[in-house]
């Protein structure tokens, strides 16, 4: 993940009216939860430069470097509130982190490849889980996990425990949860080859019953 550097400065302005004034001046108000000092530091930074830094990034949880008047601080972008109409950021929350201590983040899952059960069996691929929670070092945070489903056959399920994310990540999400499943097409005959058909066997049972009843009357 490319490093994002944000030049920020502390702010004393608080409240919705002060936040609106900052936005009109081209600034984004934010807050940083401090790790060593404790408490929260209110900050502001240039909106245009911030948007340029985010270009090409899709994750909502990013590792950034906050340049606070020449003092650099690694921080994790935890939450960004956007204007409903314009889509521009109106407030951003950060958490100060240590580059040597693992953090817990939620990473989206993207399915790649064509499942065998879809390609050869006419099944339908359904994604059940859209993201997983993992622990990793801040510098190793992934914006997304591409999960290959090519080997997934008809009526087969890919579980969280089947994910191979690499040694850098420890899964927090429960392993028994389903990520994706290939379902048989609607109306398909799922009976096993050679198994007796219940509907076909019914007339024979009825016929046998009638023959036994006739024999008893004789």
C-alpha atoms as a PDB file:
ATOM      1  CA  UNK A   1       0.000   0.000   0.000  1.00  0.00           C
ATOM      2  CA  UNK A   2       1.395   3.391  -0.978  1.00  0.00           C
ATOM      3  CA  UNK A   3       2.135   5.696   1.922  1.00  0.00           C
ATOM      4  CA  UNK A   4      -0.189   8.680   2.309  1.00  0.00           C
ATOM      5  CA  UNK A   5       1.194  11.769   4.008  1.00  0.00           C
ATOM      6  CA  UNK A   6      -1.158  14.439   5.317  1.00  0.00           C
ATOM      7  CA  UNK A   7      -0.005  17.828   6.534  1.00  0.00           C
ATOM      8  CA  UNK A   8      -2.209  18.602   9.514  1.00  0.00           C
ATOM      9  CA  UNK A   9      -2.325  21.117  12.330  1.00  0.00           C
ATOM     10  CA  UNK A  10      -4.107  21.210  15.633  1.00  0.00           C
ATOM     11  CA  UNK A  11      -7.349  23.154  15.831  1.00  0.00           C
ATOM     12  CA  UNK A  12      -9.170  24.779  18.676  1.00  0.00           C
ATOM     13  CA  UNK A  13     -12.410  25.379  16.772  1.00  0.00           C
ATOM     14  CA  UNK A  14     -15.217  23.067  17.836  1.00  0.00           C
ATOM     15  CA  UNK A  15     -18.889  22.666  17.031  1.00  0.00           C
ATOM     16  CA  UNK A  16     -20.888  22.419  13.801  1.00  0.00           C
ATOM     17  CA  UNK A  17     -20.636  26.135  13.005  1.00  0.00           C
ATOM     18  CA  UNK A  18     -16.845  26.078  13.303  1.00  0.00           C
ATOM     19  CA  UNK A  19     -16.695  22.916  11.155  1.00  0.00           C
ATOM     20  CA  UNK A  20     -18.720  24.618   8.417  1.00  0.00           C
ATOM     21  CA  UNK A  21     -16.340  27.593   8.444  1.00  0.00           C
ATOM     22  CA  UNK A  22     -13.386  25.253   8.065  1.00  0.00           C
ATOM     23  CA  UNK A  23     -14.983  23.501   5.106  1.00  0.00           C
ATOM     24  CA  UNK A  24     -15.762  26.811   3.399  1.00  0.00           C
ATOM     25  CA  UNK A  25     -12.076  27.646   3.813  1.00  0.00           C
ATOM     26  CA  UNK A  26     -11.089  24.407   2.056  1.00  0.00           C
ATOM     27  CA  UNK A  27     -10.188  22.500   5.217  1.00  0.00           C
ATOM     28  CA  UNK A  28     -11.366  19.154   6.586  1.00  0.00           C
ATOM     29  CA  UNK A  29     -11.862  18.863  10.359  1.00  0.00           C
ATOM     30  CA  UNK A  30     -10.673  15.666  11.992  1.00  0.00           C
ATOM     31  CA  UNK A  31      -9.625  14.020  15.228  1.00  0.00           C
ATOM     32  CA  UNK A  32      -6.775  11.748  16.278  1.00  0.00           C
ATOM     33  CA  UNK A  33      -7.066   9.281  19.140  1.00  0.00           C
ATOM     34  CA  UNK A  34      -3.622   9.384  20.767  1.00  0.00           C
ATOM     35  CA  UNK A  35      -1.895   6.175  21.744  1.00  0.00           C
ATOM     36  CA  UNK A  36       0.810   7.394  24.142  1.00  0.00           C
ATOM     37  CA  UNK A  37      -0.572  10.687  25.430  1.00  0.00           C
ATOM     38  CA  UNK A  38      -4.136   9.439  25.635  1.00  0.00           C
ATOM     39  CA  UNK A  39      -7.177  11.508  24.800  1.00  0.00           C
ATOM     40  CA  UNK A  40      -8.017  13.002  21.430  1.00  0.00           C
ATOM     41  CA  UNK A  41      -6.313  15.734  19.417  1.00  0.00           C
ATOM     42  CA  UNK A  42      -8.469  17.869  17.117  1.00  0.00           C
ATOM     43  CA  UNK A  43      -6.859  18.557  13.734  1.00  0.00           C
ATOM     44  CA  UNK A  44      -7.560  20.184  10.383  1.00  0.00           C
ATOM     45  CA  UNK A  45      -5.964  19.673   6.973  1.00  0.00           C
ATOM     46  CA  UNK A  46      -6.275  20.778   3.358  1.00  0.00           C
ATOM     47  CA  UNK A  47      -9.218  19.128   1.607  1.00  0.00           C
ATOM     48  CA  UNK A  48      -7.710  19.216  -1.904  1.00  0.00           C
ATOM     49  CA  UNK A  49      -4.392  17.674  -0.872  1.00  0.00           C
ATOM     50  CA  UNK A  50      -6.233  15.023   1.134  1.00  0.00           C
ATOM     51  CA  UNK A  51      -8.384  14.017  -1.847  1.00  0.00           C
ATOM     52  CA  UNK A  52      -5.300  13.813  -4.063  1.00  0.00           C
ATOM     53  CA  UNK A  53      -3.666  11.518  -1.513  1.00  0.00           C
ATOM     54  CA  UNK A  54      -6.682   9.215  -1.481  1.00  0.00           C
ATOM     55  CA  UNK A  55      -6.788   8.919  -5.268  1.00  0.00           C
ATOM     56  CA  UNK A  56      -6.594   5.268  -6.288  1.00  0.00           C
ATOM     57  CA  UNK A  57      -7.387   3.995  -2.792  1.00  0.00           C
ATOM     58  CA  UNK A  58     -10.678   2.248  -2.086  1.00  0.00           C
ATOM     59  CA  UNK A  59     -10.281   1.095   1.503  1.00  0.00           C
ATOM     60  CA  UNK A  60     -11.835   3.022   4.387  1.00  0.00           C
ATOM     61  CA  UNK A  61      -9.034   1.930   6.711  1.00  0.00           C
ATOM     62  CA  UNK A  62      -5.701   3.284   5.537  1.00  0.00           C
ATOM     63  CA  UNK A  63      -2.317   3.790   7.128  1.00  0.00           C
ATOM     64  CA  UNK A  64      -1.296   7.439   6.831  1.00  0.00           C
ATOM     65  CA  UNK A  65       1.462   9.666   8.143  1.00  0.00           C
ATOM     66  CA  UNK A  66       0.201  12.805   9.818  1.00  0.00           C
ATOM     67  CA  UNK A  67       2.726  15.621   9.556  1.00  0.00           C
ATOM     68  CA  UNK A  68       1.947  17.726  12.616  1.00  0.00           C
ATOM     69  CA  UNK A  69       4.070  20.839  12.151  1.00  0.00           C
ATOM     70  CA  UNK A  70       7.131  18.782  11.228  1.00  0.00           C
ATOM     71  CA  UNK A  71       6.493  15.913  13.640  1.00  0.00           C
ATOM     72  CA  UNK A  72       5.391  12.770  11.812  1.00  0.00           C
ATOM     73  CA  UNK A  73       2.885  10.411  13.372  1.00  0.00           C
ATOM     74  CA  UNK A  74       1.735   7.057  11.900  1.00  0.00           C
ATOM     75  CA  UNK A  75      -2.035   6.800  12.140  1.00  0.00           C
ATOM     76  CA  UNK A  76      -4.827   4.582  10.920  1.00  0.00           C
ATOM     77  CA  UNK A  77      -7.731   6.244   9.172  1.00  0.00           C
ATOM     78  CA  UNK A  78     -10.699   4.698  10.972  1.00  0.00           C
ATOM     79  CA  UNK A  79     -13.730   6.543   9.666  1.00  0.00           C
ATOM     80  CA  UNK A  80     -14.456   9.164   7.019  1.00  0.00           C
ATOM     81  CA  UNK A  81     -17.771  10.971   6.842  1.00  0.00           C
ATOM     82  CA  UNK A  82     -18.744  12.284   3.416  1.00  0.00           C
ATOM     83  CA  UNK A  83     -21.182  14.887   2.228  1.00  0.00           C
ATOM     84  CA  UNK A  84     -24.274  13.013   1.033  1.00  0.00           C
ATOM     85  CA  UNK A  85     -24.668  15.048  -2.163  1.00  0.00           C
ATOM     86  CA  UNK A  86     -21.129  16.089  -3.084  1.00  0.00           C
ATOM     87  CA  UNK A  87     -19.361  12.959  -1.795  1.00  0.00           C
ATOM     88  CA  UNK A  88     -16.538  15.067  -0.362  1.00  0.00           C
ATOM     89  CA  UNK A  89     -15.094  14.382   3.115  1.00  0.00           C
ATOM     90  CA  UNK A  90     -16.538  16.462   5.939  1.00  0.00           C
ATOM     91  CA  UNK A  91     -14.819  14.786   8.911  1.00  0.00           C
ATOM     92  CA  UNK A  92     -12.131  12.122   9.376  1.00  0.00           C
ATOM     93  CA  UNK A  93     -11.204  10.120  12.479  1.00  0.00           C
ATOM     94  CA  UNK A  94      -7.710   8.701  12.965  1.00  0.00           C
ATOM     95  CA  UNK A  95      -6.012   6.486  15.558  1.00  0.00           C
ATOM     96  CA  UNK A  96      -2.327   6.830  16.327  1.00  0.00           C
ATOM     97  CA  UNK A  97      -0.546   3.475  15.894  1.00  0.00           C
ATOM     98  CA  UNK A  98       2.836   1.877  16.426  1.00  0.00           C
ATOM     99  CA  UNK A  99       4.411   0.349  13.327  1.00  0.00           C
ATOM    100  CA  UNK A 100       5.622  -2.584  15.442  1.00  0.00           C
ATOM    101  CA  UNK A 101       2.266  -3.458  17.021  1.00  0.00           C
ATOM    102  CA  UNK A 102      -0.498  -5.319  15.220  1.00  0.00           C
ATOM    103  CA  UNK A 103      -3.859  -3.687  14.598  1.00  0.00           C
ATOM    104  CA  UNK A 104      -7.263  -5.164  13.848  1.00  0.00           C
ATOM    105  CA  UNK A 105      -8.892  -4.089  10.582  1.00  0.00           C
ATOM    106  CA  UNK A 106     -11.749  -5.133   8.320  1.00  0.00           C
ATOM    107  CA  UNK A 107     -10.750  -5.905   4.717  1.00  0.00           C
ATOM    108  CA  UNK A 108     -13.209  -6.381   1.819  1.00  0.00           C
ATOM    109  CA  UNK A 109     -13.236  -9.632  -0.183  1.00  0.00           C
ATOM    110  CA  UNK A 110     -13.360  -9.719  -3.974  1.00  0.00           C
ATOM    111  CA  UNK A 111     -14.006 -13.005  -5.781  1.00  0.00           C
ATOM    112  CA  UNK A 112     -11.882 -13.658  -8.862  1.00  0.00           C
ATOM    113  CA  UNK A 113     -11.892 -16.425 -11.446  1.00  0.00           C
ATOM    114  CA  UNK A 114     -14.744 -18.508 -12.846  1.00  0.00           C
ATOM    115  CA  UNK A 115     -15.891 -21.316 -10.575  1.00  0.00           C
ATOM    116  CA  UNK A 116     -15.824 -24.803 -12.098  1.00  0.00           C
ATOM    117  CA  UNK A 117     -19.363 -25.384 -10.886  1.00  0.00           C
ATOM    118  CA  UNK A 118     -20.506 -22.367 -12.870  1.00  0.00           C
ATOM    119  CA  UNK A 119     -18.454 -23.053 -15.976  1.00  0.00           C
ATOM    120  CA  UNK A 120     -19.150 -26.789 -16.293  1.00  0.00           C
ATOM    121  CA  UNK A 121     -22.166 -27.381 -14.066  1.00  0.00           C
ATOM    122  CA  UNK A 122     -24.282 -24.350 -14.879  1.00  0.00           C
ATOM    123  CA  UNK A 123     -24.391 -23.345 -11.219  1.00  0.00           C
ATOM    124  CA  UNK A 124     -24.736 -19.891  -9.727  1.00  0.00           C
ATOM    125  CA  UNK A 125     -21.937 -18.333  -7.664  1.00  0.00           C
ATOM    126  CA  UNK A 126     -23.189 -16.504  -4.583  1.00  0.00           C
ATOM    127  CA  UNK A 127     -20.950 -14.372  -2.361  1.00  0.00           C
ATOM    128  CA  UNK A 128     -22.104 -14.718   1.229  1.00  0.00           C
ATOM    129  CA  UNK A 129     -19.408 -12.750   3.080  1.00  0.00           C
ATOM    130  CA  UNK A 130     -18.160  -9.387   1.819  1.00  0.00           C
ATOM    131  CA  UNK A 131     -15.292  -8.768   4.238  1.00  0.00           C
ATOM    132  CA  UNK A 132     -13.151 -10.405   6.917  1.00  0.00           C
ATOM    133  CA  UNK A 133     -11.546  -9.075  10.066  1.00  0.00           C
ATOM    134  CA  UNK A 134      -7.807  -9.662  10.411  1.00  0.00           C
ATOM    135  CA  UNK A 135      -4.870  -8.659  12.577  1.00  0.00           C
ATOM    136  CA  UNK A 136      -1.637  -7.443  11.001  1.00  0.00           C
ATOM    137  CA  UNK A 137       1.078  -4.841  11.277  1.00  0.00           C
ATOM    138  CA  UNK A 138      -0.022  -1.368  10.133  1.00  0.00           C
ATOM    139  CA  UNK A 139       2.382  -1.383   7.183  1.00  0.00           C
ATOM    140  CA  UNK A 140       0.875  -4.675   5.935  1.00  0.00           C
ATOM    141  CA  UNK A 141      -2.751  -3.514   5.834  1.00  0.00           C
ATOM    142  CA  UNK A 142      -4.384  -4.650   2.590  1.00  0.00           C
ATOM    143  CA  UNK A 143      -7.052  -2.626   0.831  1.00  0.00           C
ATOM    144  CA  UNK A 144      -8.729  -5.829  -0.382  1.00  0.00           C
ATOM    145  CA  UNK A 145      -8.301  -9.595  -0.620  1.00  0.00           C
ATOM    146  CA  UNK A 146      -8.687 -11.194  -4.055  1.00  0.00           C
ATOM    147  CA  UNK A 147     -10.004 -14.716  -3.481  1.00  0.00           C
ATOM    148  CA  UNK A 148      -9.766 -17.225  -6.349  1.00  0.00           C
ATOM    149  CA  UNK A 149     -12.896 -19.376  -6.639  1.00  0.00           C
ATOM    150  CA  UNK A 150     -11.885 -21.252  -9.812  1.00  0.00           C
ATOM    151  CA  UNK A 151     -11.724 -24.632  -8.036  1.00  0.00           C
ATOM    152  CA  UNK A 152     -15.165 -24.289  -6.465  1.00  0.00           C
ATOM    153  CA  UNK A 153     -17.442 -27.025  -7.813  1.00  0.00           C
ATOM    154  CA  UNK A 154     -21.202 -27.409  -7.911  1.00  0.00           C
ATOM    155  CA  UNK A 155     -22.801 -27.384  -4.435  1.00  0.00           C
ATOM    156  CA  UNK A 156     -19.427 -26.589  -2.853  1.00  0.00           C
ATOM    157  CA  UNK A 157     -18.808 -23.866  -0.266  1.00  0.00           C
ATOM    158  CA  UNK A 158     -15.725 -21.791   0.434  1.00  0.00           C
ATOM    159  CA  UNK A 159     -15.368 -21.079   4.154  1.00  0.00           C
ATOM    160  CA  UNK A 160     -13.333 -18.469   5.995  1.00  0.00           C
ATOM    161  CA  UNK A 161     -11.033 -21.246   7.245  1.00  0.00           C
ATOM    162  CA  UNK A 162     -10.203 -22.060   3.596  1.00  0.00           C
ATOM    163  CA  UNK A 163      -8.804 -18.584   2.885  1.00  0.00           C
ATOM    164  CA  UNK A 164      -5.071 -18.406   2.279  1.00  0.00           C
ATOM    165  CA  UNK A 165      -4.209 -14.797   3.110  1.00  0.00           C
ATOM    166  CA  UNK A 166      -0.511 -15.279   3.837  1.00  0.00           C
ATOM    167  CA  UNK A 167       1.621 -15.227   6.961  1.00  0.00           C
ATOM    168  CA  UNK A 168       1.201 -11.483   7.522  1.00  0.00           C
ATOM    169  CA  UNK A 169      -2.474 -11.824   8.421  1.00  0.00           C
ATOM    170  CA  UNK A 170      -4.220 -13.580  11.312  1.00  0.00           C
ATOM    171  CA  UNK A 171      -7.919 -14.200  10.782  1.00  0.00           C
ATOM    172  CA  UNK A 172     -10.264 -12.942  13.474  1.00  0.00           C
ATOM    173  CA  UNK A 173     -13.502 -13.773  11.659  1.00  0.00           C
ATOM    174  CA  UNK A 174     -14.887 -17.202  12.599  1.00  0.00           C
ATOM    175  CA  UNK A 175     -13.624 -19.958  10.320  1.00  0.00           C
ATOM    176  CA  UNK A 176     -16.986 -21.723   9.947  1.00  0.00           C
ATOM    177  CA  UNK A 177     -18.578 -18.747   8.187  1.00  0.00           C
ATOM    178  CA  UNK A 178     -19.238 -19.204   4.462  1.00  0.00           C
ATOM    179  CA  UNK A 179     -17.566 -16.835   2.019  1.00  0.00           C
ATOM    180  CA  UNK A 180     -19.005 -18.114  -1.265  1.00  0.00           C
ATOM    181  CA  UNK A 181     -21.089 -21.016  -2.526  1.00  0.00           C
ATOM    182  CA  UNK A 182     -21.905 -22.447  -5.957  1.00  0.00           C
ATOM    183  CA  UNK A 183     -25.577 -23.350  -6.004  1.00  0.00           C
ATOM    184  CA  UNK A 184     -27.157 -25.754  -8.464  1.00  0.00           C
ATOM    185  CA  UNK A 185     -29.350 -24.071 -11.074  1.00  0.00           C
ATOM    186  CA  UNK A 186     -32.995 -23.760 -10.097  1.00  0.00           C
ATOM    187  CA  UNK A 187     -35.025 -26.808 -11.072  1.00  0.00           C
ATOM    188  CA  UNK A 188     -31.951 -28.980 -11.622  1.00  0.00           C
ATOM    189  CA  UNK A 189     -32.213 -32.697 -10.764  1.00  0.00           C
ATOM    190  CA  UNK A 190     -29.879 -33.166  -7.808  1.00  0.00           C
ATOM    191  CA  UNK A 191     -30.661 -36.901  -7.306  1.00  0.00           C
ATOM    192  CA  UNK A 192     -27.602 -39.158  -7.270  1.00  0.00           C
ATOM    193  CA  UNK A 193     -27.071 -41.451 -10.274  1.00  0.00           C
ATOM    194  CA  UNK A 194     -28.537 -44.907  -9.666  1.00  0.00           C
ATOM    195  CA  UNK A 195     -30.725 -43.819  -6.746  1.00  0.00           C
ATOM    196  CA  UNK A 196     -34.365 -44.999  -6.920  1.00  0.00           C
ATOM    197  CA  UNK A 197     -36.838 -42.348  -7.923  1.00  0.00           C
ATOM    198  CA  UNK A 198     -39.566 -42.002  -5.264  1.00  0.00           C
ATOM    199  CA  UNK A 199     -42.202 -40.752  -7.687  1.00  0.00           C
ATOM    200  CA  UNK A 200     -41.553 -43.624 -10.100  1.00  0.00           C
ATOM    201  CA  UNK A 201     -41.740 -46.204  -7.309  1.00  0.00           C
ATOM    202  CA  UNK A 202     -45.186 -45.103  -6.113  1.00  0.00           C
ATOM    203  CA  UNK A 203     -47.273 -46.843  -8.843  1.00  0.00           C
ATOM    204  CA  UNK A 204     -45.543 -50.196  -8.095  1.00  0.00           C
ATOM    205  CA  UNK A 205     -46.422 -49.892  -4.411  1.00  0.00           C
ATOM    206  CA  UNK A 206     -50.055 -49.134  -5.227  1.00  0.00           C
ATOM    207  CA  UNK A 207     -50.231 -52.039  -7.688  1.00  0.00           C
ATOM    208  CA  UNK A 208     -48.748 -54.436  -5.155  1.00  0.00           C
ATOM    209  CA  UNK A 209     -51.256 -53.322  -2.539  1.00  0.00           C
ATOM    210  CA  UNK A 210     -54.188 -53.958  -4.867  1.00  0.00           C
ATOM    211  CA  UNK A 211     -52.921 -57.463  -5.737  1.00  0.00           C
ATOM    212  CA  UNK A 212     -52.604 -58.391  -2.032  1.00  0.00           C
ATOM    213  CA  UNK A 213     -56.139 -57.116  -1.322  1.00  0.00           C
ATOM    214  CA  UNK A 214     -57.570 -59.158  -4.203  1.00  0.00           C
ATOM    215  CA  UNK A 215     -55.848 -62.321  -2.955  1.00  0.00           C
ATOM    216  CA  UNK A 216     -57.387 -61.928   0.513  1.00  0.00           C
ATOM    217  CA  UNK A 217     -60.943 -61.792  -0.961  1.00  0.00           C
ATOM    218  CA  UNK A 218     -60.518 -65.153  -2.717  1.00  0.00           C
END
